[in-house]
Amino acid sequence: MNNHISVSPDWLAAAVASVFTATGLSPAAAKTVAGSLVEADMRGTSSHGVMLVPMYVERLRKGSVATHETAEVVLDTGAITILDARNALGQLTGDQGMELAVSKARTYGLGAVTVRHAFHFGGAYRYARTAARAGCIGIVAANTRPLMPAPGGAAAVVGNNPLAVGFPANAGEPIVLDMAMSEAALGKIRLAEQENRPIPETWATDRDGTPTADPNAALKGLLLPAAGPKGYGLALVLDVLTGVLSGGSFGRGVQGLYADTSVPNDCAHFFLALDVTAFGDRAGFDQRVGELAEQITTSPKASGVERLLLPGQLECERQAGALATGVRLDASVLGALRETAASVGMVLGEPC
């Protein structure tokens, strides 16, 4: 049964923005956050999309997310800045962090910004893309609550920490890698449970730390890192770059987004911008990136494969398609958005 509906991106963004405005955000801030969530749905990454609105609003109403719109500068020296988000919405302080990093890079060749006491900032790709569009290589990371064990462990000790890297391309949109450190997203395990089918044993463990093909047991257990010890090691490194380096929370100090919505999430973010022109000729860089991309996309394909893709390419194509045909949402997501709107005294019109 198809439970999806297609809606206009403009209608959806305006509807979500109106809900956030009703919770106390300025129209400009509400538009920024709404645009981030809607774009995630357009790109096919619904885990970072409009489905998050009810949780965001609940946290705003309970005070674990604040309505101020900028982070406070804790340290500003040379190429380095430390920000304290004071629990503001992550898209707002994330934009602030990467804009600062790019500005620093213009002066020093590179700029590094850490943000402590932060909140979920949506897709990490958007900040790396901001840097790339400004002619920089952008590197972005965040930490999450512990979700994965150390190799051989039976307790969650590192988060499913995202990493994004973006760089300018010779033509069109920047090339952006955006990945988390688990073998599979938790949403894929939930879907397997709903469809009553097994999962690969590389995805998760049961509550005792034993790899399992049973999605029910997996949901009560632990996610497994991508590439085993490599994913675990990268997740640990990202926790250091974000929480430890910023002076914020790390490891068990980071709280779950859905655990107790009256308690701040208290994650941390890291933004690095490298000005390409500080390393040499920008035109030469673009040419070399173009050559590398062509080597990849024109290389021999395995049997049955139609084309080879660059990181982020498929998501960009989905976004372009959504502009033409609408954003595909599960009907339950639209229903939850309506309920959330009603809870803040709003009535959403019919989607178009």
C-alpha atoms as a PDB file:
ATOM      1  CA  MET A   1       0.000   0.000   0.000  1.00  0.00           C
ATOM      2  CA  ASN A   2       1.381   3.412  -1.003  1.00  0.00           C
ATOM      3  CA  ASN A   3       1.220   5.773   1.965  1.00  0.00           C
ATOM      4  CA  HIS A   4       3.144   8.574   0.316  1.00  0.00           C
ATOM      5  CA  ILE A   5       1.959  11.955  -0.880  1.00  0.00           C
ATOM      6  CA  SER A   6       3.743  14.517  -3.061  1.00  0.00           C
ATOM      7  CA  VAL A   7       3.609  18.149  -1.976  1.00  0.00           C
ATOM      8  CA  SER A   8       5.088  21.369  -3.277  1.00  0.00           C
ATOM      9  CA  PRO A   9       8.487  22.159  -1.711  1.00  0.00           C
ATOM     10  CA  ASP A  10       7.449  25.807  -1.360  1.00  0.00           C
ATOM     11  CA  TRP A  11       4.199  24.902   0.419  1.00  0.00           C
ATOM     12  CA  LEU A  12       5.996  22.504   2.742  1.00  0.00           C
ATOM     13  CA  ALA A  13       8.784  24.950   3.603  1.00  0.00           C
ATOM     14  CA  ALA A  14       6.257  27.721   4.312  1.00  0.00           C
ATOM     15  CA  ALA A  15       4.150  25.381   6.470  1.00  0.00           C
ATOM     16  CA  VAL A  16       7.131  24.229   8.531  1.00  0.00           C
ATOM     17  CA  ALA A  17       8.439  27.791   8.880  1.00  0.00           C
ATOM     18  CA  SER A  18       5.054  28.974  10.143  1.00  0.00           C
ATOM     19  CA  VAL A  19       5.122  26.304  12.853  1.00  0.00           C
ATOM     20  CA  PHE A  20       8.567  27.397  14.030  1.00  0.00           C
ATOM     21  CA  THR A  21       7.549  31.056  13.964  1.00  0.00           C
ATOM     22  CA  ALA A  22       4.645  30.180  16.235  1.00  0.00           C
ATOM     23  CA  THR A  23       7.106  28.686  18.735  1.00  0.00           C
ATOM     24  CA  GLY A  24       9.021  31.956  19.054  1.00  0.00           C
ATOM     25  CA  LEU A  25      11.622  31.954  16.255  1.00  0.00           C
ATOM     26  CA  SER A  26      12.008  34.979  14.024  1.00  0.00           C
ATOM     27  CA  PRO A  27      10.670  34.540  10.463  1.00  0.00           C
ATOM     28  CA  ALA A  28      14.237  34.477   9.098  1.00  0.00           C
ATOM     29  CA  ALA A  29      15.417  31.800  11.541  1.00  0.00           C
ATOM     30  CA  ALA A  30      12.261  29.750  11.013  1.00  0.00           C
ATOM     31  CA  LYS A  31      12.822  29.886   7.252  1.00  0.00           C
ATOM     32  CA  THR A  32      16.417  28.662   7.633  1.00  0.00           C
ATOM     33  CA  VAL A  33      15.491  25.678   9.795  1.00  0.00           C
ATOM     34  CA  ALA A  34      12.482  24.783   7.655  1.00  0.00           C
ATOM     35  CA  GLY A  35      14.548  24.981   4.473  1.00  0.00           C
ATOM     36  CA  SER A  36      17.125  22.589   5.925  1.00  0.00           C
ATOM     37  CA  LEU A  37      14.508  19.992   6.854  1.00  0.00           C
ATOM     38  CA  VAL A  38      12.572  20.206   3.592  1.00  0.00           C
ATOM     39  CA  GLU A  39      15.751  19.987   1.530  1.00  0.00           C
ATOM     40  CA  ALA A  40      16.684  16.781   3.346  1.00  0.00           C
ATOM     41  CA  ASP A  41      13.371  15.232   2.259  1.00  0.00           C
ATOM     42  CA  MET A  42      13.947  16.457  -1.283  1.00  0.00           C
ATOM     43  CA  ARG A  43      17.337  14.717  -1.287  1.00  0.00           C
ATOM     44  CA  GLY A  44      15.828  11.432  -0.096  1.00  0.00           C
ATOM     45  CA  THR A  45      17.308  11.601   3.409  1.00  0.00           C
ATOM     46  CA  SER A  46      14.032  11.688   5.303  1.00  0.00           C
ATOM     47  CA  SER A  47      15.738  10.824   8.604  1.00  0.00           C
ATOM     48  CA  HIS A  48      16.912  14.467   8.613  1.00  0.00           C
ATOM     49  CA  GLY A  49      13.695  15.892   7.210  1.00  0.00           C
ATOM     50  CA  VAL A  50      10.271  17.117   8.254  1.00  0.00           C
ATOM     51  CA  MET A  51       9.740  14.059  10.448  1.00  0.00           C
ATOM     52  CA  LEU A  52      11.926  15.901  12.995  1.00  0.00           C
ATOM     53  CA  VAL A  53       9.568  18.860  13.370  1.00  0.00           C
ATOM     54  CA  PRO A  54       7.459  17.408  16.223  1.00  0.00           C
ATOM     55  CA  MET A  55      10.585  16.612  18.254  1.00  0.00           C
ATOM     56  CA  TYR A  56      12.118  20.036  17.553  1.00  0.00           C
ATOM     57  CA  VAL A  57       8.915  21.778  18.612  1.00  0.00           C
ATOM     58  CA  GLU A  58       8.527  19.662  21.738  1.00  0.00           C
ATOM     59  CA  ARG A  59      12.065  20.568  22.774  1.00  0.00           C
ATOM     60  CA  LEU A  60      11.455  24.253  22.065  1.00  0.00           C
ATOM     61  CA  ARG A  61       8.311  24.169  24.206  1.00  0.00           C
ATOM     62  CA  LYS A  62      10.060  22.337  27.051  1.00  0.00           C
ATOM     63  CA  GLY A  63      13.072  24.650  26.953  1.00  0.00           C
ATOM     64  CA  SER A  64      15.806  22.137  26.120  1.00  0.00           C
ATOM     65  CA  VAL A  65      16.215  23.993  22.808  1.00  0.00           C
ATOM     66  CA  ALA A  66      16.482  27.764  23.076  1.00  0.00           C
ATOM     67  CA  THR A  67      14.946  30.366  20.763  1.00  0.00           C
ATOM     68  CA  HIS A  68      18.016  32.603  20.544  1.00  0.00           C
ATOM     69  CA  GLU A  69      19.556  32.450  17.096  1.00  0.00           C
ATOM     70  CA  THR A  70      23.317  32.881  17.482  1.00  0.00           C
ATOM     71  CA  ALA A  71      26.052  31.168  19.429  1.00  0.00           C
ATOM     72  CA  GLU A  72      28.221  33.061  21.876  1.00  0.00           C
ATOM     73  CA  VAL A  73      31.919  33.537  21.073  1.00  0.00           C
ATOM     74  CA  VAL A  74      34.024  31.889  23.796  1.00  0.00           C
ATOM     75  CA  LEU A  75      37.430  32.196  22.103  1.00  0.00           C
ATOM     76  CA  ASP A  76      38.513  34.010  18.945  1.00  0.00           C
ATOM     77  CA  THR A  77      42.209  33.863  18.186  1.00  0.00           C
ATOM     78  CA  GLY A  78      43.814  33.764  14.758  1.00  0.00           C
ATOM     79  CA  ALA A  79      42.318  31.007  12.633  1.00  0.00           C
ATOM     80  CA  ILE A  80      40.388  29.463  15.543  1.00  0.00           C
ATOM     81  CA  THR A  81      37.017  30.205  17.126  1.00  0.00           C
ATOM     82  CA  ILE A  82      35.125  28.374  19.870  1.00  0.00           C
ATOM     83  CA  LEU A  83      31.377  28.980  20.047  1.00  0.00           C
ATOM     84  CA  ASP A  84      28.861  28.151  22.760  1.00  0.00           C
ATOM     85  CA  ALA A  85      25.489  27.470  21.120  1.00  0.00           C
ATOM     86  CA  ARG A  86      23.666  27.583  24.459  1.00  0.00           C
ATOM     87  CA  ASN A  87      21.270  24.941  23.082  1.00  0.00           C
ATOM     88  CA  ALA A  88      20.093  26.950  20.062  1.00  0.00           C
ATOM     89  CA  LEU A  89      18.828  25.156  16.966  1.00  0.00           C
ATOM     90  CA  GLY A  90      21.794  23.564  15.228  1.00  0.00           C
ATOM     91  CA  GLN A  91      21.040  24.858  11.740  1.00  0.00           C
ATOM     92  CA  LEU A  92      21.409  28.421  12.995  1.00  0.00           C
ATOM     93  CA  THR A  93      24.662  27.955  14.907  1.00  0.00           C
ATOM     94  CA  GLY A  94      25.922  25.563  12.221  1.00  0.00           C
ATOM     95  CA  ASP A  95      25.550  28.238   9.563  1.00  0.00           C
ATOM     96  CA  GLN A  96      27.260  30.692  11.907  1.00  0.00           C
ATOM     97  CA  GLY A  97      30.113  28.257  12.527  1.00  0.00           C
ATOM     98  CA  MET A  98      30.863  27.504   8.891  1.00  0.00           C
ATOM     99  CA  GLU A  99      30.533  31.145   7.843  1.00  0.00           C
ATOM    100  CA  LEU A 100      33.124  32.004  10.494  1.00  0.00           C
ATOM    101  CA  ALA A 101      35.402  29.193   9.326  1.00  0.00           C
ATOM    102  CA  VAL A 102      35.226  30.417   5.714  1.00  0.00           C
ATOM    103  CA  SER A 103      35.911  34.005   6.806  1.00  0.00           C
ATOM    104  CA  LYS A 104      38.956  32.845   8.775  1.00  0.00           C
ATOM    105  CA  ALA A 105      40.152  30.844   5.787  1.00  0.00           C
ATOM    106  CA  ARG A 106      40.065  33.973   3.628  1.00  0.00           C
ATOM    107  CA  THR A 107      42.569  35.575   6.018  1.00  0.00           C
ATOM    108  CA  TYR A 108      44.696  32.678   7.234  1.00  0.00           C
ATOM    109  CA  GLY A 109      44.267  30.039   4.505  1.00  0.00           C
ATOM    110  CA  LEU A 110      42.235  27.912   6.903  1.00  0.00           C
ATOM    111  CA  GLY A 111      39.670  28.429   9.616  1.00  0.00           C
ATOM    112  CA  ALA A 112      38.560  26.046  12.362  1.00  0.00           C
ATOM    113  CA  VAL A 113      35.452  26.502  14.508  1.00  0.00           C
ATOM    114  CA  THR A 114      34.125  24.264  17.262  1.00  0.00           C
ATOM    115  CA  VAL A 115      30.656  24.599  18.783  1.00  0.00           C
ATOM    116  CA  ARG A 116      29.786  23.259  22.220  1.00  0.00           C
ATOM    117  CA  HIS A 117      26.417  22.868  23.960  1.00  0.00           C
ATOM    118  CA  ALA A 118      24.831  22.477  20.532  1.00  0.00           C
ATOM    119  CA  PHE A 119      21.739  20.794  19.114  1.00  0.00           C
ATOM    120  CA  HIS A 120      21.065  18.611  16.066  1.00  0.00           C
ATOM    121  CA  PHE A 121      22.049  20.545  12.930  1.00  0.00           C
ATOM    122  CA  GLY A 122      20.383  18.459  10.228  1.00  0.00           C
ATOM    123  CA  GLY A 123      22.412  17.123   7.342  1.00  0.00           C
ATOM    124  CA  ALA A 124      26.150  17.733   7.706  1.00  0.00           C
ATOM    125  CA  TYR A 125      26.426  18.043   3.918  1.00  0.00           C
ATOM    126  CA  ARG A 126      24.890  21.528   3.870  1.00  0.00           C
ATOM    127  CA  TYR A 127      27.764  23.112   5.811  1.00  0.00           C
ATOM    128  CA  ALA A 128      30.460  21.362   3.768  1.00  0.00           C
ATOM    129  CA  ARG A 129      28.613  22.511   0.642  1.00  0.00           C
ATOM    130  CA  THR A 130      28.579  26.103   1.936  1.00  0.00           C
ATOM    131  CA  ALA A 131      32.364  26.018   2.232  1.00  0.00           C
ATOM    132  CA  ALA A 132      32.783  24.443  -1.201  1.00  0.00           C
ATOM    133  CA  ARG A 133      30.548  27.024  -2.841  1.00  0.00           C
ATOM    134  CA  ALA A 134      32.794  29.679  -1.294  1.00  0.00           C
ATOM    135  CA  GLY A 135      35.883  28.129  -2.893  1.00  0.00           C
ATOM    136  CA  CYS A 136      37.019  26.168   0.146  1.00  0.00           C
ATOM    137  CA  ILE A 137      37.326  22.543   1.092  1.00  0.00           C
ATOM    138  CA  GLY A 138      34.876  22.101   3.954  1.00  0.00           C
ATOM    139  CA  ILE A 139      35.108  19.444   6.647  1.00  0.00           C
ATOM    140  CA  VAL A 140      32.233  19.066   9.119  1.00  0.00           C
ATOM    141  CA  ALA A 141      31.584  16.702  12.020  1.00  0.00           C
ATOM    142  CA  ALA A 142      29.171  16.242  14.907  1.00  0.00           C
ATOM    143  CA  ASN A 143      28.889  13.844  17.812  1.00  0.00           C
ATOM    144  CA  THR A 144      25.822  11.929  18.968  1.00  0.00           C
ATOM    145  CA  ARG A 145      24.872   9.896  22.003  1.00  0.00           C
ATOM    146  CA  PRO A 146      26.695   6.533  22.192  1.00  0.00           C
ATOM    147  CA  LEU A 147      25.088   4.024  19.825  1.00  0.00           C
ATOM    148  CA  MET A 148      27.929   1.667  18.916  1.00  0.00           C
ATOM    149  CA  PRO A 149      30.297  -0.584  20.886  1.00  0.00           C
ATOM    150  CA  ALA A 150      34.071  -0.860  20.731  1.00  0.00           C
ATOM    151  CA  PRO A 151      35.151  -4.001  18.848  1.00  0.00           C
ATOM    152  CA  GLY A 152      34.182  -6.927  21.035  1.00  0.00           C
ATOM    153  CA  GLY A 153      32.224  -4.709  23.427  1.00  0.00           C
ATOM    154  CA  ALA A 154      28.654  -5.142  24.614  1.00  0.00           C
ATOM    155  CA  ALA A 155      27.889  -1.499  25.540  1.00  0.00           C
ATOM    156  CA  ALA A 156      27.480   1.627  23.443  1.00  0.00           C
ATOM    157  CA  VAL A 157      30.551   3.852  23.826  1.00  0.00           C
ATOM    158  CA  VAL A 158      30.758   5.924  20.614  1.00  0.00           C
ATOM    159  CA  GLY A 159      28.134   7.751  18.625  1.00  0.00           C
ATOM    160  CA  ASN A 160      26.954   7.300  15.072  1.00  0.00           C
ATOM    161  CA  ASN A 161      28.952  10.458  14.401  1.00  0.00           C
ATOM    162  CA  PRO A 162      28.504  12.120  10.989  1.00  0.00           C
ATOM    163  CA  LEU A 163      31.333  13.394   8.811  1.00  0.00           C
ATOM    164  CA  ALA A 164      30.944  15.533   5.691  1.00  0.00           C
ATOM    165  CA  VAL A 165      33.631  16.757   3.291  1.00  0.00           C
ATOM    166  CA  GLY A 166      32.878  19.075   0.385  1.00  0.00           C
ATOM    167  CA  PHE A 167      35.062  20.608  -2.292  1.00  0.00           C
ATOM    168  CA  PRO A 168      34.542  22.782  -5.370  1.00  0.00           C
ATOM    169  CA  ALA A 169      34.045  21.013  -8.683  1.00  0.00           C
ATOM    170  CA  ASN A 170      34.932  22.162 -12.166  1.00  0.00           C
ATOM    171  CA  ALA A 171      31.307  22.639 -13.159  1.00  0.00           C
ATOM    172  CA  GLY A 172      27.985  22.523 -11.367  1.00  0.00           C
ATOM    173  CA  GLU A 173      27.448  21.676  -7.722  1.00  0.00           C
ATOM    174  CA  PRO A 174      30.334  20.862  -5.363  1.00  0.00           C
ATOM    175  CA  ILE A 175      31.186  17.242  -4.648  1.00  0.00           C
ATOM    176  CA  VAL A 176      30.099  16.419  -1.091  1.00  0.00           C
ATOM    177  CA  LEU A 177      30.602  13.246   0.904  1.00  0.00           C
ATOM    178  CA  ASP A 178      28.216  12.892   3.864  1.00  0.00           C
ATOM    179  CA  MET A 179      28.285   9.750   5.957  1.00  0.00           C
ATOM    180  CA  ALA A 180      27.686   8.470   9.448  1.00  0.00           C
ATOM    181  CA  MET A 181      29.851   5.850  11.089  1.00  0.00           C
ATOM    182  CA  SER A 182      27.408   2.919  11.386  1.00  0.00           C
ATOM    183  CA  GLU A 183      27.125   0.111   8.856  1.00  0.00           C
ATOM    184  CA  ALA A 184      23.402   0.833   8.404  1.00  0.00           C
ATOM    185  CA  ALA A 185      20.985   3.493   9.547  1.00  0.00           C
ATOM    186  CA  LEU A 186      18.647   2.708  12.400  1.00  0.00           C
ATOM    187  CA  GLY A 187      15.729   3.509  10.067  1.00  0.00           C
ATOM    188  CA  LYS A 188      16.687   0.593   7.808  1.00  0.00           C
ATOM    189  CA  ILE A 189      16.477  -1.768  10.762  1.00  0.00           C
ATOM    190  CA  ARG A 190      13.064  -0.391  11.710  1.00  0.00           C
ATOM    191  CA  LEU A 191      11.873  -0.950   8.132  1.00  0.00           C
ATOM    192  CA  ALA A 192      13.121  -4.550   8.160  1.00  0.00           C
ATOM    193  CA  GLU A 193      11.184  -5.128  11.392  1.00  0.00           C
ATOM    194  CA  GLN A 194       8.006  -3.740   9.834  1.00  0.00           C
ATOM    195  CA  GLU A 195       8.453  -5.976   6.783  1.00  0.00           C
ATOM    196  CA  ASN A 196       9.332  -9.012   8.923  1.00  0.00           C
ATOM    197  CA  ARG A 197      12.579  -9.768   7.115  1.00  0.00           C
ATOM    198  CA  PRO A 198      16.098 -10.476   8.409  1.00  0.00           C
ATOM    199  CA  ILE A 199      18.988  -8.022   8.323  1.00  0.00           C
ATOM    200  CA  PRO A 200      22.661  -8.692   7.575  1.00  0.00           C
ATOM    201  CA  GLU A 201      24.550  -9.640  10.734  1.00  0.00           C
ATOM    202  CA  THR A 202      27.021  -6.830  10.032  1.00  0.00           C
ATOM    203  CA  TRP A 203      24.373  -4.225  10.856  1.00  0.00           C
ATOM    204  CA  ALA A 204      23.726  -4.638  14.567  1.00  0.00           C
ATOM    205  CA  THR A 205      24.010  -6.765  17.687  1.00  0.00           C
ATOM    206  CA  ASP A 206      21.475  -7.939  20.246  1.00  0.00           C
ATOM    207  CA  ARG A 207      21.564  -6.521  23.780  1.00  0.00           C
ATOM    208  CA  ASP A 208      24.386  -8.920  24.706  1.00  0.00           C
ATOM    209  CA  GLY A 209      26.652  -7.659  21.918  1.00  0.00           C
ATOM    210  CA  THR A 210      26.201 -10.694  19.644  1.00  0.00           C
ATOM    211  CA  PRO A 211      25.694  -9.889  15.935  1.00  0.00           C
ATOM    212  CA  THR A 212      22.115 -10.662  14.919  1.00  0.00           C
ATOM    213  CA  ALA A 213      19.984 -11.043  11.804  1.00  0.00           C
ATOM    214  CA  ASP A 214      16.801 -10.416  13.816  1.00  0.00           C
ATOM    215  CA  PRO A 215      15.705  -6.776  13.464  1.00  0.00           C
ATOM    216  CA  ASN A 216      13.639  -7.001  16.663  1.00  0.00           C
ATOM    217  CA  ALA A 217      16.715  -7.999  18.646  1.00  0.00           C
ATOM    218  CA  ALA A 218      18.773  -5.368  16.842  1.00  0.00           C
ATOM    219  CA  LEU A 219      16.442  -2.570  17.901  1.00  0.00           C
ATOM    220  CA  LYS A 220      17.080  -3.562  21.520  1.00  0.00           C
ATOM    221  CA  GLY A 221      20.810  -3.876  20.940  1.00  0.00           C
ATOM    222  CA  LEU A 222      23.588  -1.852  19.340  1.00  0.00           C
ATOM    223  CA  LEU A 223      24.441  -0.504  15.915  1.00  0.00           C
ATOM    224  CA  LEU A 224      27.690  -1.833  14.458  1.00  0.00           C
ATOM    225  CA  PRO A 225      30.315   0.520  13.016  1.00  0.00           C
ATOM    226  CA  ALA A 226      30.904   0.656   9.275  1.00  0.00           C
ATOM    227  CA  ALA A 227      33.965  -1.424   8.367  1.00  0.00           C
ATOM    228  CA  GLY A 228      34.260  -2.706  11.926  1.00  0.00           C
ATOM    229  CA  PRO A 229      37.257  -1.283  13.805  1.00  0.00           C
ATOM    230  CA  LYS A 230      37.737   1.418  11.151  1.00  0.00           C
ATOM    231  CA  GLY A 231      34.277   2.903  11.672  1.00  0.00           C
ATOM    232  CA  TYR A 232      34.660   2.650  15.433  1.00  0.00           C
ATOM    233  CA  GLY A 233      38.033   4.419  15.275  1.00  0.00           C
ATOM    234  CA  LEU A 234      36.677   7.202  13.074  1.00  0.00           C
ATOM    235  CA  ALA A 235      33.693   7.678  15.390  1.00  0.00           C
ATOM    236  CA  LEU A 236      36.083   8.072  18.333  1.00  0.00           C
ATOM    237  CA  VAL A 237      38.192  10.612  16.418  1.00  0.00           C
ATOM    238  CA  LEU A 238      35.098  12.643  15.563  1.00  0.00           C
ATOM    239  CA  ASP A 239      34.028  12.683  19.208  1.00  0.00           C
ATOM    240  CA  VAL A 240      37.427  14.197  20.049  1.00  0.00           C
ATOM    241  CA  LEU A 241      37.245  16.803  17.244  1.00  0.00           C
ATOM    242  CA  THR A 242      33.785  17.888  18.358  1.00  0.00           C
ATOM    243  CA  GLY A 243      33.029  17.359  22.039  1.00  0.00           C
ATOM    244  CA  VAL A 244      36.487  17.046  23.554  1.00  0.00           C
ATOM    245  CA  LEU A 245      38.165  19.813  21.533  1.00  0.00           C
ATOM    246  CA  SER A 246      35.326  22.294  22.053  1.00  0.00           C
ATOM    247  CA  GLY A 247      35.179  21.778  25.803  1.00  0.00           C
ATOM    248  CA  GLY A 248      31.648  20.461  25.393  1.00  0.00           C
ATOM    249  CA  SER A 249      30.028  17.086  25.958  1.00  0.00           C
ATOM    250  CA  PHE A 250      31.336  13.802  24.572  1.00  0.00           C
ATOM    251  CA  GLY A 251      30.631  10.109  25.004  1.00  0.00           C
ATOM    252  CA  ARG A 252      27.890   9.540  27.567  1.00  0.00           C
ATOM    253  CA  GLY A 253      27.555  13.275  28.134  1.00  0.00           C
ATOM    254  CA  VAL A 254      25.649  13.643  24.856  1.00  0.00           C
ATOM    255  CA  GLN A 255      21.933  12.953  25.329  1.00  0.00           C
ATOM    256  CA  GLY A 256      19.550  11.188  22.952  1.00  0.00           C
ATOM    257  CA  LEU A 257      17.343  13.348  20.759  1.00  0.00           C
ATOM    258  CA  TYR A 258      14.229  11.422  21.782  1.00  0.00           C
ATOM    259  CA  ALA A 259      15.272  10.270  25.277  1.00  0.00           C
ATOM    260  CA  ASP A 260      14.066  13.054  27.567  1.00  0.00           C
ATOM    261  CA  THR A 261      13.085  16.076  25.519  1.00  0.00           C
ATOM    262  CA  SER A 262      13.295  18.354  28.569  1.00  0.00           C
ATOM    263  CA  VAL A 263      17.057  17.653  28.828  1.00  0.00           C
ATOM    264  CA  PRO A 264      19.390  19.401  26.329  1.00  0.00           C
ATOM    265  CA  ASN A 265      20.877  17.227  23.592  1.00  0.00           C
ATOM    266  CA  ASP A 266      24.269  18.880  24.322  1.00  0.00           C
ATOM    267  CA  CYS A 267      26.126  17.626  21.268  1.00  0.00           C
ATOM    268  CA  ALA A 268      29.092  19.411  19.654  1.00  0.00           C
ATOM    269  CA  HIS A 269      30.100  20.408  16.128  1.00  0.00           C
ATOM    270  CA  PHE A 270      33.334  20.975  14.209  1.00  0.00           C
ATOM    271  CA  PHE A 271      33.812  23.102  11.075  1.00  0.00           C
ATOM    272  CA  LEU A 272      37.024  23.397   9.063  1.00  0.00           C
ATOM    273  CA  ALA A 273      37.472  25.459   5.896  1.00  0.00           C
ATOM    274  CA  LEU A 274      40.591  25.316   3.706  1.00  0.00           C
ATOM    275  CA  ASP A 275      40.856  28.121   1.144  1.00  0.00           C
ATOM    276  CA  VAL A 276      41.815  26.447  -2.122  1.00  0.00           C
ATOM    277  CA  THR A 277      43.546  29.572  -3.448  1.00  0.00           C
ATOM    278  CA  ALA A 278      45.907  29.571  -0.449  1.00  0.00           C
ATOM    279  CA  PHE A 279      47.329  26.318  -1.798  1.00  0.00           C
ATOM    280  CA  GLY A 280      47.777  27.501  -5.389  1.00  0.00           C
ATOM    281  CA  ASP A 281      45.870  28.306  -8.560  1.00  0.00           C
ATOM    282  CA  ARG A 282      42.086  27.855  -8.212  1.00  0.00           C
ATOM    283  CA  ALA A 283      41.639  27.135 -11.920  1.00  0.00           C
ATOM    284  CA  GLY A 284      44.256  24.412 -11.700  1.00  0.00           C
ATOM    285  CA  PHE A 285      42.512  22.880  -8.692  1.00  0.00           C
ATOM    286  CA  ASP A 286      39.182  22.847 -10.518  1.00  0.00           C
ATOM    287  CA  GLN A 287      40.788  21.224 -13.548  1.00  0.00           C
ATOM    288  CA  ARG A 288      42.399  18.488 -11.487  1.00  0.00           C
ATOM    289  CA  VAL A 289      39.174  17.769  -9.606  1.00  0.00           C
ATOM    290  CA  GLY A 290      37.389  17.557 -12.948  1.00  0.00           C
ATOM    291  CA  GLU A 291      39.973  15.129 -14.285  1.00  0.00           C
ATOM    292  CA  LEU A 292      39.694  12.964 -11.173  1.00  0.00           C
ATOM    293  CA  ALA A 293      35.894  12.939 -11.367  1.00  0.00           C
ATOM    294  CA  GLU A 294      36.026  11.974 -15.048  1.00  0.00           C
ATOM    295  CA  GLN A 295      38.457   9.139 -14.338  1.00  0.00           C
ATOM    296  CA  ILE A 296      35.955   7.754 -11.843  1.00  0.00           C
ATOM    297  CA  THR A 297      32.708   8.198 -13.773  1.00  0.00           C
ATOM    298  CA  THR A 298      34.128   6.917 -17.068  1.00  0.00           C
ATOM    299  CA  SER A 299      35.916   3.905 -15.594  1.00  0.00           C
ATOM    300  CA  PRO A 300      34.769   0.371 -16.522  1.00  0.00           C
ATOM    301  CA  LYS A 301      31.477  -0.709 -14.935  1.00  0.00           C
ATOM    302  CA  ALA A 302      30.546  -4.044 -13.476  1.00  0.00           C
ATOM    303  CA  SER A 303      27.977  -6.156 -15.306  1.00  0.00           C
ATOM    304  CA  GLY A 304      24.488  -4.674 -15.032  1.00  0.00           C
ATOM    305  CA  VAL A 305      25.639  -1.276 -13.748  1.00  0.00           C
ATOM    306  CA  GLU A 306      24.368   1.676 -15.774  1.00  0.00           C
ATOM    307  CA  ARG A 307      26.598   4.441 -14.429  1.00  0.00           C
ATOM    308  CA  LEU A 308      29.116   5.346 -11.739  1.00  0.00           C
ATOM    309  CA  LEU A 309      28.303   8.165  -9.337  1.00  0.00           C
ATOM    310  CA  LEU A 310      30.280  10.706  -7.338  1.00  0.00           C
ATOM    311  CA  PRO A 311      29.520  11.245  -3.623  1.00  0.00           C
ATOM    312  CA  GLY A 312      26.323  13.258  -3.184  1.00  0.00           C
ATOM    313  CA  GLN A 313      25.419  13.117  -6.881  1.00  0.00           C
ATOM    314  CA  LEU A 314      22.330  10.980  -6.431  1.00  0.00           C
ATOM    315  CA  GLU A 315      21.003  13.223  -3.667  1.00  0.00           C
ATOM    316  CA  CYS A 316      21.451  16.309  -5.870  1.00  0.00           C
ATOM    317  CA  GLU A 317      19.532  14.601  -8.666  1.00  0.00           C
ATOM    318  CA  ARG A 318      16.724  13.678  -6.291  1.00  0.00           C
ATOM    319  CA  GLN A 319      16.526  17.289  -5.139  1.00  0.00           C
ATOM    320  CA  ALA A 320      16.269  18.520  -8.720  1.00  0.00           C
ATOM    321  CA  GLY A 321      13.520  15.976  -9.349  1.00  0.00           C
ATOM    322  CA  ALA A 322      11.600  17.067  -6.257  1.00  0.00           C
ATOM    323  CA  LEU A 323      11.597  20.646  -7.519  1.00  0.00           C
ATOM    324  CA  ALA A 324       9.741  19.422 -10.591  1.00  0.00           C
ATOM    325  CA  THR A 325       7.465  16.738  -9.158  1.00  0.00           C
ATOM    326  CA  GLY A 326       7.131  17.624  -5.465  1.00  0.00           C
ATOM    327  CA  VAL A 327       8.482  16.278  -2.184  1.00  0.00           C
ATOM    328  CA  ARG A 328       7.457  12.715  -1.377  1.00  0.00           C
ATOM    329  CA  LEU A 329       6.365  12.431   2.230  1.00  0.00           C
ATOM    330  CA  ASP A 330       4.909   9.541   4.135  1.00  0.00           C
ATOM    331  CA  ALA A 331       1.317  10.408   4.990  1.00  0.00           C
ATOM    332  CA  SER A 332       2.119   9.877   8.672  1.00  0.00           C
ATOM    333  CA  VAL A 333       4.795  12.608   8.519  1.00  0.00           C
ATOM    334  CA  LEU A 334       2.311  15.088   7.088  1.00  0.00           C
ATOM    335  CA  GLY A 335      -0.217  14.043   9.721  1.00  0.00           C
ATOM    336  CA  ALA A 336       2.311  14.587  12.509  1.00  0.00           C
ATOM    337  CA  LEU A 337       3.141  18.014  11.072  1.00  0.00           C
ATOM    338  CA  ARG A 338      -0.541  18.957  11.185  1.00  0.00           C
ATOM    339  CA  GLU A 339      -0.829  17.777  14.787  1.00  0.00           C
ATOM    340  CA  THR A 340       2.250  19.764  15.758  1.00  0.00           C
ATOM    341  CA  ALA A 341       0.887  22.853  14.038  1.00  0.00           C
ATOM    342  CA  ALA A 342      -2.373  22.464  15.954  1.00  0.00           C
ATOM    343  CA  SER A 343      -0.440  22.180  19.216  1.00  0.00           C
ATOM    344  CA  VAL A 344       0.983  25.683  18.659  1.00  0.00           C
ATOM    345  CA  GLY A 345      -2.375  27.130  17.623  1.00  0.00           C
ATOM    346  CA  MET A 346      -2.049  26.846  13.855  1.00  0.00           C
ATOM    347  CA  VAL A 347      -4.137  25.216  11.151  1.00  0.00           C
ATOM    348  CA  LEU A 348      -2.260  24.175   8.017  1.00  0.00           C
ATOM    349  CA  GLY A 349      -4.016  24.521   4.713  1.00  0.00           C
ATOM    350  CA  GLU A 350      -4.227  21.793   2.115  1.00  0.00           C
ATOM    351  CA  PRO A 351      -0.907  20.969   0.427  1.00  0.00           C
ATOM    352  CA  CYS A 352      -0.441  21.887  -3.188  1.00  0.00           C
END
